[in-house]
Structures are given as C-alpha cells and as structure tokens.
Amino acid sequence: MRIEVIVEQKESGEFVASAVEYPGVGATGRTENEALARLFDALESHLTRGGHPAPPSA
C-alpha cells in the first residue's frame, strides 16, 4: 500500500505530518521522524477501525 504523505515544519519548529488520502489523520512531532512515526500509528489505528480513504476529487 502506498500513501502520499506531506510533512511541513511550522514556524515554531514543530513538524506536522498528514496523509493526503485520509483527511483528518495527522500527527505532530519535535522532529520529522517523530511526526512520521506518530502519523503511521494514527493511520494504523484509523484503518483498524475500518477507516477508508477519501473519494477521489473530480
């Protein structure tokens, strides 16, 4: 499974990671790796609960 992920660094220095296909699933961290690890945990939890990706936009 491939999931497009976006990681941005805020002015505060905090990193924010989000999964494009899964709106509302995101995570933050002090480092890029920490934000990604937390995002993967959030995605695993979302998918375990039966979550699905957003439908493709027209």
Foldseek 3Di string as FASTA:
>chain_A
DDWDKDWDADPVQKIKIDTPQAPPQIAIDNDPVVRVVSSVVSVVVCVVVPHDGDDDDD
